[in-house]
Amino acid sequence: MLTSLSTTLGAAAAQLPTDVVHGPGGGFVFWPFFLLIPLFWILVIGFFILFGRRMWRRNHDWAATQGAESVLRERYARGEIDETEYRQRLEVLRAHPTK
């Protein structure tokens, strides 16, 4: 009885397609999909690096400009400079941004 069952299972397995018998990735059909997962993660990580560098550069340039303007605003608020001098210096700062 056991011998006939194993013979029947062996015959049934021989009729199944190769990818079912060996499992996914065991046949030739699935090989290109194996490359998509690493490629996907490389693209995701590359996107975050590119996005992060752009945001850092933008924030760095903005902070450099805002730093000088903020000092000027504080001096005007404390009364160290008058409105005319504040507007002249602000115009100079905005005309020649630091890089």
PDB file of N, CA and C in Angstrom:
ATOM      1  N   MET A   1       0.822  -1.182   0.000  1.00  0.00           N
ATOM      2  CA  MET A   1       0.000   0.000   0.000  1.00  0.00           C
ATOM      3  C   MET A   1       0.873   1.256   0.000  1.00  0.00           C
ATOM      4  N   LEU A   2       1.924   1.300   0.850  1.00  0.00           N
ATOM      5  CA  LEU A   2       2.810   2.453   0.929  1.00  0.00           C
ATOM      6  C   LEU A   2       3.584   2.631  -0.365  1.00  0.00           C
ATOM      7  N   THR A   3       3.977   1.556  -0.981  1.00  0.00           N
ATOM      8  CA  THR A   3       4.729   1.626  -2.234  1.00  0.00           C
ATOM      9  C   THR A   3       3.852   2.173  -3.347  1.00  0.00           C
ATOM     10  N   SER A   4       2.617   1.777  -3.404  1.00  0.00           N
ATOM     11  CA  SER A   4       1.739   2.277  -4.462  1.00  0.00           C
ATOM     12  C   SER A   4       1.416   3.761  -4.252  1.00  0.00           C
ATOM     13  N   LEU A   5       1.315   4.204  -2.980  1.00  0.00           N
ATOM     14  CA  LEU A   5       1.063   5.616  -2.698  1.00  0.00           C
ATOM     15  C   LEU A   5       2.251   6.478  -3.127  1.00  0.00           C
ATOM     16  N   SER A   6       3.460   6.049  -2.817  1.00  0.00           N
ATOM     17  CA  SER A   6       4.646   6.820  -3.217  1.00  0.00           C
ATOM     18  C   SER A   6       4.815   6.829  -4.728  1.00  0.00           C
ATOM     19  N   THR A   7       4.441   5.747  -5.390  1.00  0.00           N
ATOM     20  CA  THR A   7       4.519   5.694  -6.855  1.00  0.00           C
ATOM     21  C   THR A   7       3.503   6.659  -7.459  1.00  0.00           C
ATOM     22  N   THR A   8       2.325   6.706  -6.875  1.00  0.00           N
ATOM     23  CA  THR A   8       1.283   7.608  -7.372  1.00  0.00           C
ATOM     24  C   THR A   8       1.689   9.065  -7.166  1.00  0.00           C
ATOM     25  N   LEU A   9       2.233   9.383  -5.984  1.00  0.00           N
ATOM     26  CA  LEU A   9       2.691  10.750  -5.726  1.00  0.00           C
ATOM     27  C   LEU A   9       3.846  11.137  -6.648  1.00  0.00           C
ATOM     28  N   GLY A  10       4.742  10.216  -6.891  1.00  0.00           N
ATOM     29  CA  GLY A  10       5.875  10.480  -7.785  1.00  0.00           C
ATOM     30  C   GLY A  10       5.410  10.736  -9.195  1.00  0.00           C
ATOM     31  N   ALA A  11       4.427   9.997  -9.652  1.00  0.00           N
ATOM     32  CA  ALA A  11       3.897  10.192 -11.001  1.00  0.00           C
ATOM     33  C   ALA A  11       3.161  11.527 -11.096  1.00  0.00           C
ATOM     34  N   ALA A  12       2.419  11.882 -10.038  1.00  0.00           N
ATOM     35  CA  ALA A  12       1.709  13.160 -10.040  1.00  0.00           C
ATOM     36  C   ALA A  12       2.697  14.325 -10.025  1.00  0.00           C
ATOM     37  N   ALA A  13       3.770  14.201  -9.260  1.00  0.00           N
ATOM     38  CA  ALA A  13       4.770  15.261  -9.198  1.00  0.00           C
ATOM     39  C   ALA A  13       5.491  15.418 -10.521  1.00  0.00           C
ATOM     40  N   ALA A  14       5.663  14.351 -11.258  1.00  0.00           N
ATOM     41  CA  ALA A  14       6.351  14.414 -12.547  1.00  0.00           C
ATOM     42  C   ALA A  14       5.523  15.171 -13.574  1.00  0.00           C
ATOM     43  N   GLN A  15       4.213  15.190 -13.405  1.00  0.00           N
ATOM     44  CA  GLN A  15       3.348  15.880 -14.355  1.00  0.00           C
ATOM     45  C   GLN A  15       3.200  17.369 -14.055  1.00  0.00           C
ATOM     46  N   LEU A  16       3.581  17.818 -12.873  1.00  0.00           N
ATOM     47  CA  LEU A  16       3.462  19.230 -12.508  1.00  0.00           C
ATOM     48  C   LEU A  16       4.535  20.063 -13.207  1.00  0.00           C
ATOM     49  N   PRO A  17       4.268  21.349 -13.440  1.00  0.00           N
ATOM     50  CA  PRO A  17       5.295  22.211 -14.036  1.00  0.00           C
ATOM     51  C   PRO A  17       6.517  22.313 -13.119  1.00  0.00           C
ATOM     52  N   THR A  18       7.644  22.651 -13.701  1.00  0.00           N
ATOM     53  CA  THR A  18       8.906  22.699 -12.968  1.00  0.00           C
ATOM     54  C   THR A  18       8.888  23.706 -11.826  1.00  0.00           C
ATOM     55  N   ASP A  19       8.280  24.893 -12.030  1.00  0.00           N
ATOM     56  CA  ASP A  19       8.296  25.911 -10.983  1.00  0.00           C
ATOM     57  C   ASP A  19       7.438  25.512  -9.784  1.00  0.00           C
ATOM     58  N   VAL A  20       6.463  24.624  -9.965  1.00  0.00           N
ATOM     59  CA  VAL A  20       5.660  24.160  -8.838  1.00  0.00           C
ATOM     60  C   VAL A  20       6.421  23.099  -8.053  1.00  0.00           C
ATOM     61  N   VAL A  21       7.115  22.207  -8.754  1.00  0.00           N
ATOM     62  CA  VAL A  21       7.860  21.136  -8.090  1.00  0.00           C
ATOM     63  C   VAL A  21       9.024  21.710  -7.293  1.00  0.00           C
ATOM     64  N   HIS A  22       9.745  22.637  -7.867  1.00  0.00           N
ATOM     65  CA  HIS A  22      10.935  23.175  -7.217  1.00  0.00           C
ATOM     66  C   HIS A  22      10.647  24.429  -6.387  1.00  0.00           C
ATOM     67  N   GLY A  23       9.462  24.952  -6.498  1.00  0.00           N
ATOM     68  CA  GLY A  23       9.127  26.156  -5.747  1.00  0.00           C
ATOM     69  C   GLY A  23       9.484  27.398  -6.537  1.00  0.00           C
ATOM     70  N   PRO A  24       8.999  28.556  -6.108  1.00  0.00           N
ATOM     71  CA  PRO A  24       9.307  29.786  -6.834  1.00  0.00           C
ATOM     72  C   PRO A  24      10.801  30.083  -6.782  1.00  0.00           C
ATOM     73  N   GLY A  25      11.336  30.494  -7.891  1.00  0.00           N
ATOM     74  CA  GLY A  25      12.761  30.774  -7.962  1.00  0.00           C
ATOM     75  C   GLY A  25      13.572  29.547  -8.335  1.00  0.00           C
ATOM     76  N   GLY A  26      12.963  28.377  -8.306  1.00  0.00           N
ATOM     77  CA  GLY A  26      13.675  27.153  -8.641  1.00  0.00           C
ATOM     78  C   GLY A  26      13.768  26.937 -10.132  1.00  0.00           C
ATOM     79  N   GLY A  27      12.875  27.542 -10.882  1.00  0.00           N
ATOM     80  CA  GLY A  27      12.881  27.403 -12.328  1.00  0.00           C
ATOM     81  C   GLY A  27      13.495  28.621 -12.985  1.00  0.00           C
ATOM     82  N   PHE A  28      13.646  28.543 -14.299  1.00  0.00           N
ATOM     83  CA  PHE A  28      14.259  29.617 -15.077  1.00  0.00           C
ATOM     84  C   PHE A  28      13.326  30.816 -15.210  1.00  0.00           C
ATOM     85  N   VAL A  29      12.031  30.636 -14.993  1.00  0.00           N
ATOM     86  CA  VAL A  29      11.026  31.657 -15.229  1.00  0.00           C
ATOM     87  C   VAL A  29      11.182  32.851 -14.286  1.00  0.00           C
ATOM     88  N   PHE A  30      11.617  32.663 -13.051  1.00  0.00           N
ATOM     89  CA  PHE A  30      11.592  33.712 -12.045  1.00  0.00           C
ATOM     90  C   PHE A  30      12.902  34.489 -11.905  1.00  0.00           C
ATOM     91  N   TRP A  31      13.926  34.233 -12.673  1.00  0.00           N
ATOM     92  CA  TRP A  31      15.224  34.846 -12.408  1.00  0.00           C
ATOM     93  C   TRP A  31      15.257  36.368 -12.546  1.00  0.00           C
ATOM     94  N   PRO A  32      14.551  37.047 -13.478  1.00  0.00           N
ATOM     95  CA  PRO A  32      14.693  38.506 -13.541  1.00  0.00           C
ATOM     96  C   PRO A  32      14.070  39.225 -12.333  1.00  0.00           C
ATOM     97  N   PHE A  33      13.054  38.656 -11.727  1.00  0.00           N
ATOM     98  CA  PHE A  33      12.400  39.299 -10.594  1.00  0.00           C
ATOM     99  C   PHE A  33      13.308  39.343  -9.367  1.00  0.00           C
ATOM    100  N   PHE A  34      14.267  38.479  -9.325  1.00  0.00           N
ATOM    101  CA  PHE A  34      15.242  38.434  -8.243  1.00  0.00           C
ATOM    102  C   PHE A  34      16.066  39.726  -8.210  1.00  0.00           C
ATOM    103  N   LEU A  35      16.251  40.370  -9.366  1.00  0.00           N
ATOM    104  CA  LEU A  35      17.034  41.608  -9.441  1.00  0.00           C
ATOM    105  C   LEU A  35      16.215  42.859  -9.112  1.00  0.00           C
ATOM    106  N   LEU A  36      14.893  42.764  -9.151  1.00  0.00           N
ATOM    107  CA  LEU A  36      14.062  43.948  -8.945  1.00  0.00           C
ATOM    108  C   LEU A  36      14.072  44.440  -7.505  1.00  0.00           C
ATOM    109  N   ILE A  37      14.148  43.551  -6.540  1.00  0.00           N
ATOM    110  CA  ILE A  37      14.111  43.967  -5.132  1.00  0.00           C
ATOM    111  C   ILE A  37      15.355  44.791  -4.764  1.00  0.00           C
ATOM    112  N   PRO A  38      16.568  44.337  -5.053  1.00  0.00           N
ATOM    113  CA  PRO A  38      17.730  45.189  -4.753  1.00  0.00           C
ATOM    114  C   PRO A  38      17.714  46.502  -5.556  1.00  0.00           C
ATOM    115  N   LEU A  39      17.271  46.430  -6.811  1.00  0.00           N
ATOM    116  CA  LEU A  39      17.196  47.644  -7.619  1.00  0.00           C
ATOM    117  C   LEU A  39      16.212  48.633  -7.012  1.00  0.00           C
ATOM    118  N   PHE A  40      15.083  48.155  -6.536  1.00  0.00           N
ATOM    119  CA  PHE A  40      14.096  49.019  -5.887  1.00  0.00           C
ATOM    120  C   PHE A  40      14.709  49.713  -4.676  1.00  0.00           C
ATOM    121  N   TRP A  41      15.389  48.978  -3.809  1.00  0.00           N
ATOM    122  CA  TRP A  41      15.954  49.572  -2.591  1.00  0.00           C
ATOM    123  C   TRP A  41      17.096  50.528  -2.908  1.00  0.00           C
ATOM    124  N   ILE A  42      17.870  50.227  -3.931  1.00  0.00           N
ATOM    125  CA  ILE A  42      18.938  51.149  -4.339  1.00  0.00           C
ATOM    126  C   ILE A  42      18.334  52.472  -4.795  1.00  0.00           C
ATOM    127  N   LEU A  43      17.247  52.401  -5.574  1.00  0.00           N
ATOM    128  CA  LEU A  43      16.583  53.623  -6.028  1.00  0.00           C
ATOM    129  C   LEU A  43      15.960  54.403  -4.867  1.00  0.00           C
ATOM    130  N   VAL A  44      15.347  53.714  -3.917  1.00  0.00           N
ATOM    131  CA  VAL A  44      14.732  54.389  -2.770  1.00  0.00           C
ATOM    132  C   VAL A  44      15.804  55.087  -1.932  1.00  0.00           C
ATOM    133  N   ILE A  45      16.881  54.400  -1.633  1.00  0.00           N
ATOM    134  CA  ILE A  45      17.956  54.990  -0.830  1.00  0.00           C
ATOM    135  C   ILE A  45      18.604  56.157  -1.574  1.00  0.00           C
ATOM    136  N   GLY A  46      18.820  55.992  -2.884  1.00  0.00           N
ATOM    137  CA  GLY A  46      19.382  57.079  -3.688  1.00  0.00           C
ATOM    138  C   GLY A  46      18.487  58.304  -3.706  1.00  0.00           C
ATOM    139  N   PHE A  47      17.174  58.081  -3.782  1.00  0.00           N
ATOM    140  CA  PHE A  47      16.229  59.194  -3.747  1.00  0.00           C
ATOM    141  C   PHE A  47      16.323  59.945  -2.423  1.00  0.00           C
ATOM    142  N   PHE A  48      16.369  59.218  -1.313  1.00  0.00           N
ATOM    143  CA  PHE A  48      16.450  59.885  -0.012  1.00  0.00           C
ATOM    144  C   PHE A  48      17.760  60.643   0.158  1.00  0.00           C
ATOM    145  N   ILE A  49      18.850  60.114  -0.355  1.00  0.00           N
ATOM    146  CA  ILE A  49      20.131  60.820  -0.268  1.00  0.00           C
ATOM    147  C   ILE A  49      20.076  62.109  -1.097  1.00  0.00           C
ATOM    148  N   LEU A  50      19.569  62.005  -2.323  1.00  0.00           N
ATOM    149  CA  LEU A  50      19.461  63.181  -3.187  1.00  0.00           C
ATOM    150  C   LEU A  50      18.528  64.225  -2.573  1.00  0.00           C
ATOM    151  N   PHE A  51      17.380  63.798  -2.089  1.00  0.00           N
ATOM    152  CA  PHE A  51      16.419  64.705  -1.478  1.00  0.00           C
ATOM    153  C   PHE A  51      17.003  65.363  -0.227  1.00  0.00           C
ATOM    154  N   GLY A  52      17.691  64.583   0.590  1.00  0.00           N
ATOM    155  CA  GLY A  52      18.291  65.117   1.814  1.00  0.00           C
ATOM    156  C   GLY A  52      19.363  66.152   1.525  1.00  0.00           C
ATOM    157  N   ARG A  53      20.188  65.896   0.529  1.00  0.00           N
ATOM    158  CA  ARG A  53      21.245  66.857   0.187  1.00  0.00           C
ATOM    159  C   ARG A  53      20.661  68.159  -0.333  1.00  0.00           C
ATOM    160  N   ARG A  54      19.608  68.056  -1.156  1.00  0.00           N
ATOM    161  CA  ARG A  54      18.981  69.273  -1.674  1.00  0.00           C
ATOM    162  C   ARG A  54      18.350  70.086  -0.553  1.00  0.00           C
ATOM    163  N   MET A  55      17.667  69.417   0.359  1.00  0.00           N
ATOM    164  CA  MET A  55      17.024  70.124   1.464  1.00  0.00           C
ATOM    165  C   MET A  55      18.069  70.757   2.379  1.00  0.00           C
ATOM    166  N   TRP A  56      19.164  70.056   2.636  1.00  0.00           N
ATOM    167  CA  TRP A  56      20.214  70.605   3.489  1.00  0.00           C
ATOM    168  C   TRP A  56      20.813  71.855   2.843  1.00  0.00           C
ATOM    169  N   ARG A  57      21.090  71.771   1.540  1.00  0.00           N
ATOM    170  CA  ARG A  57      21.680  72.907   0.838  1.00  0.00           C
ATOM    171  C   ARG A  57      20.733  74.101   0.863  1.00  0.00           C
ATOM    172  N   ARG A  58      19.448  73.863   0.628  1.00  0.00           N
ATOM    173  CA  ARG A  58      18.459  74.935   0.649  1.00  0.00           C
ATOM    174  C   ARG A  58      18.361  75.575   2.027  1.00  0.00           C
ATOM    175  N   ASN A  59      18.310  74.742   3.045  1.00  0.00           N
ATOM    176  CA  ASN A  59      18.216  75.261   4.411  1.00  0.00           C
ATOM    177  C   ASN A  59      19.483  76.010   4.812  1.00  0.00           C
ATOM    178  N   HIS A  60      20.620  75.519   4.355  1.00  0.00           N
ATOM    179  CA  HIS A  60      21.889  76.169   4.677  1.00  0.00           C
ATOM    180  C   HIS A  60      21.930  77.575   4.068  1.00  0.00           C
ATOM    181  N   ASP A  61      21.538  77.705   2.802  1.00  0.00           N
ATOM    182  CA  ASP A  61      21.525  79.021   2.148  1.00  0.00           C
ATOM    183  C   ASP A  61      20.506  79.936   2.815  1.00  0.00           C
ATOM    184  N   TRP A  62      19.346  79.415   3.154  1.00  0.00           N
ATOM    185  CA  TRP A  62      18.308  80.217   3.805  1.00  0.00           C
ATOM    186  C   TRP A  62      18.779  80.687   5.178  1.00  0.00           C
ATOM    187  N   ALA A  63      19.425  79.814   5.936  1.00  0.00           N
ATOM    188  CA  ALA A  63      19.888  80.169   7.281  1.00  0.00           C
ATOM    189  C   ALA A  63      20.970  81.241   7.219  1.00  0.00           C
ATOM    190  N   ALA A  64      21.829  81.176   6.210  1.00  0.00           N
ATOM    191  CA  ALA A  64      22.875  82.188   6.080  1.00  0.00           C
ATOM    192  C   ALA A  64      22.258  83.564   5.827  1.00  0.00           C
ATOM    193  N   THR A  65      21.238  83.609   4.985  1.00  0.00           N
ATOM    194  CA  THR A  65      20.566  84.869   4.697  1.00  0.00           C
ATOM    195  C   THR A  65      19.770  85.345   5.905  1.00  0.00           C
ATOM    196  N   GLN A  66      19.043  84.451   6.528  1.00  0.00           N
ATOM    197  CA  GLN A  66      18.206  84.807   7.657  1.00  0.00           C
ATOM    198  C   GLN A  66      19.027  85.215   8.872  1.00  0.00           C
ATOM    199  N   GLY A  67      20.221  84.693   8.995  1.00  0.00           N
ATOM    200  CA  GLY A  67      21.064  85.036  10.133  1.00  0.00           C
ATOM    201  C   GLY A  67      21.391  86.517  10.156  1.00  0.00           C
ATOM    202  N   ALA A  68      21.803  87.052   9.015  1.00  0.00           N
ATOM    203  CA  ALA A  68      22.162  88.472   8.946  1.00  0.00           C
ATOM    204  C   ALA A  68      20.926  89.348   9.114  1.00  0.00           C
ATOM    205  N   GLU A  69      19.824  88.946   8.493  1.00  0.00           N
ATOM    206  CA  GLU A  69      18.595  89.732   8.619  1.00  0.00           C
ATOM    207  C   GLU A  69      18.060  89.697  10.047  1.00  0.00           C
ATOM    208  N   SER A  70      18.222  88.578  10.696  1.00  0.00           N
ATOM    209  CA  SER A  70      17.729  88.470  12.069  1.00  0.00           C
ATOM    210  C   SER A  70      18.540  89.361  13.014  1.00  0.00           C
ATOM    211  N   VAL A  71      19.849  89.435  12.813  1.00  0.00           N
ATOM    212  CA  VAL A  71      20.682  90.324  13.641  1.00  0.00           C
ATOM    213  C   VAL A  71      20.269  91.774  13.404  1.00  0.00           C
ATOM    214  N   LEU A  72      20.012  92.090  12.140  1.00  0.00           N
ATOM    215  CA  LEU A  72      19.588  93.445  11.809  1.00  0.00           C
ATOM    216  C   LEU A  72      18.239  93.767  12.454  1.00  0.00           C
ATOM    217  N   ARG A  73      17.300  92.827  12.409  1.00  0.00           N
ATOM    218  CA  ARG A  73      15.993  93.038  13.051  1.00  0.00           C
ATOM    219  C   ARG A  73      16.139  93.241  14.555  1.00  0.00           C
ATOM    220  N   GLU A  74      17.014  92.464  15.177  1.00  0.00           N
ATOM    221  CA  GLU A  74      17.225  92.605  16.627  1.00  0.00           C
ATOM    222  C   GLU A  74      17.809  93.976  16.971  1.00  0.00           C
ATOM    223  N   ARG A  75      18.766  94.439  16.175  1.00  0.00           N
ATOM    224  CA  ARG A  75      19.357  95.758  16.436  1.00  0.00           C
ATOM    225  C   ARG A  75      18.319  96.861  16.279  1.00  0.00           C
ATOM    226  N   TYR A  76      17.448  96.712  15.289  1.00  0.00           N
ATOM    227  CA  TYR A  76      16.384  97.698  15.095  1.00  0.00           C
ATOM    228  C   TYR A  76      15.385  97.653  16.264  1.00  0.00           C
ATOM    229  N   ALA A  77      15.066  96.455  16.723  1.00  0.00           N
ATOM    230  CA  ALA A  77      14.121  96.310  17.832  1.00  0.00           C
ATOM    231  C   ALA A  77      14.689  96.887  19.134  1.00  0.00           C
ATOM    232  N   ARG A  78      15.999  96.766  19.337  1.00  0.00           N
ATOM    233  CA  ARG A  78      16.617  97.313  20.553  1.00  0.00           C
ATOM    234  C   ARG A  78      16.815  98.816  20.474  1.00  0.00           C
ATOM    235  N   GLY A  79      16.649  99.388  19.281  1.00  0.00           N
ATOM    236  CA  GLY A  79      16.806 100.832  19.129  1.00  0.00           C
ATOM    237  C   GLY A  79      18.223 101.248  18.801  1.00  0.00           C
ATOM    238  N   GLU A  80      19.094 100.335  18.462  1.00  0.00           N
ATOM    239  CA  GLU A  80      20.482 100.673  18.123  1.00  0.00           C
ATOM    240  C   GLU A  80      20.566 101.400  16.785  1.00  0.00           C
ATOM    241  N   ILE A  81      19.646 101.081  15.871  1.00  0.00           N
ATOM    242  CA  ILE A  81      19.623 101.748  14.561  1.00  0.00           C
ATOM    243  C   ILE A  81      18.207 102.272  14.320  1.00  0.00           C
ATOM    244  N   ASP A  82      18.107 103.307  13.478  1.00  0.00           N
ATOM    245  CA  ASP A  82      16.783 103.855  13.169  1.00  0.00           C
ATOM    246  C   ASP A  82      16.208 103.161  11.928  1.00  0.00           C
ATOM    247  N   GLU A  83      14.995 103.542  11.574  1.00  0.00           N
ATOM    248  CA  GLU A  83      14.294 102.867  10.481  1.00  0.00           C
ATOM    249  C   GLU A  83      14.985 103.064   9.141  1.00  0.00           C
ATOM    250  N   THR A  84      15.503 104.245   8.892  1.00  0.00           N
ATOM    251  CA  THR A  84      16.187 104.522   7.625  1.00  0.00           C
ATOM    252  C   THR A  84      17.414 103.636   7.473  1.00  0.00           C
ATOM    253  N   GLU A  85      18.238 103.558   8.515  1.00  0.00           N
ATOM    254  CA  GLU A  85      19.437 102.720   8.469  1.00  0.00           C
ATOM    255  C   GLU A  85      19.053 101.241   8.341  1.00  0.00           C
ATOM    256  N   TYR A  86      17.975 100.837   9.031  1.00  0.00           N
ATOM    257  CA  TYR A  86      17.506  99.437   8.945  1.00  0.00           C
ATOM    258  C   TYR A  86      17.130  99.090   7.507  1.00  0.00           C
ATOM    259  N   ARG A  87      16.356  99.945   6.875  1.00  0.00           N
ATOM    260  CA  ARG A  87      15.911  99.666   5.504  1.00  0.00           C
ATOM    261  C   ARG A  87      17.089  99.678   4.518  1.00  0.00           C
ATOM    262  N   GLN A  88      18.043 100.592   4.697  1.00  0.00           N
ATOM    263  CA  GLN A  88      19.217 100.632   3.817  1.00  0.00           C
ATOM    264  C   GLN A  88      20.036  99.347   3.947  1.00  0.00           C
ATOM    265  N   ARG A  89      20.295  98.924   5.173  1.00  0.00           N
ATOM    266  CA  ARG A  89      21.106  97.717   5.394  1.00  0.00           C
ATOM    267  C   ARG A  89      20.367  96.455   4.924  1.00  0.00           C
ATOM    268  N   LEU A  90      19.054  96.438   5.122  1.00  0.00           N
ATOM    269  CA  LEU A  90      18.262  95.297   4.661  1.00  0.00           C
ATOM    270  C   LEU A  90      18.300  95.196   3.139  1.00  0.00           C
ATOM    271  N   GLU A  91      18.223  96.339   2.480  1.00  0.00           N
ATOM    272  CA  GLU A  91      18.293  96.363   1.021  1.00  0.00           C
ATOM    273  C   GLU A  91      19.649  95.841   0.534  1.00  0.00           C
ATOM    274  N   VAL A  92      20.718  96.243   1.208  1.00  0.00           N
ATOM    275  CA  VAL A  92      22.062  95.767   0.853  1.00  0.00           C
ATOM    276  C   VAL A  92      22.175  94.263   1.057  1.00  0.00           C
ATOM    277  N   LEU A  93      21.644  93.761   2.167  1.00  0.00           N
ATOM    278  CA  LEU A  93      21.708  92.327   2.435  1.00  0.00           C
ATOM    279  C   LEU A  93      20.948  91.528   1.372  1.00  0.00           C
ATOM    280  N   ARG A  94      19.801  92.010   0.993  1.00  0.00           N
ATOM    281  CA  ARG A  94      18.990  91.271   0.018  1.00  0.00           C
ATOM    282  C   ARG A  94      19.527  91.414  -1.405  1.00  0.00           C
ATOM    283  N   ALA A  95      20.247  92.473  -1.696  1.00  0.00           N
ATOM    284  CA  ALA A  95      20.819  92.671  -3.014  1.00  0.00           C
ATOM    285  C   ALA A  95      22.072  91.815  -3.214  1.00  0.00           C
ATOM    286  N   HIS A  96      22.794  91.540  -2.144  1.00  0.00           N
ATOM    287  CA  HIS A  96      24.045  90.766  -2.232  1.00  0.00           C
ATOM    288  C   HIS A  96      23.969  89.576  -1.262  1.00  0.00           C
ATOM    289  N   PRO A  97      23.237  88.523  -1.632  1.00  0.00           N
ATOM    290  CA  PRO A  97      23.142  87.379  -0.710  1.00  0.00           C
ATOM    291  C   PRO A  97      24.483  86.659  -0.600  1.00  0.00           C
ATOM    292  N   THR A  98      24.777  86.171   0.583  1.00  0.00           N
ATOM    293  CA  THR A  98      26.035  85.433   0.797  1.00  0.00           C
ATOM    294  C   THR A  98      25.894  84.034   0.238  1.00  0.00           C
ATOM    295  N   LYS A  99      26.990  83.507  -0.295  1.00  0.00           N
ATOM    296  CA  LYS A  99      26.948  82.155  -0.870  1.00  0.00           C
ATOM    297  C   LYS A  99      27.979  81.280  -0.242  1.00  0.00           C
TER     298      LYS A  99
END
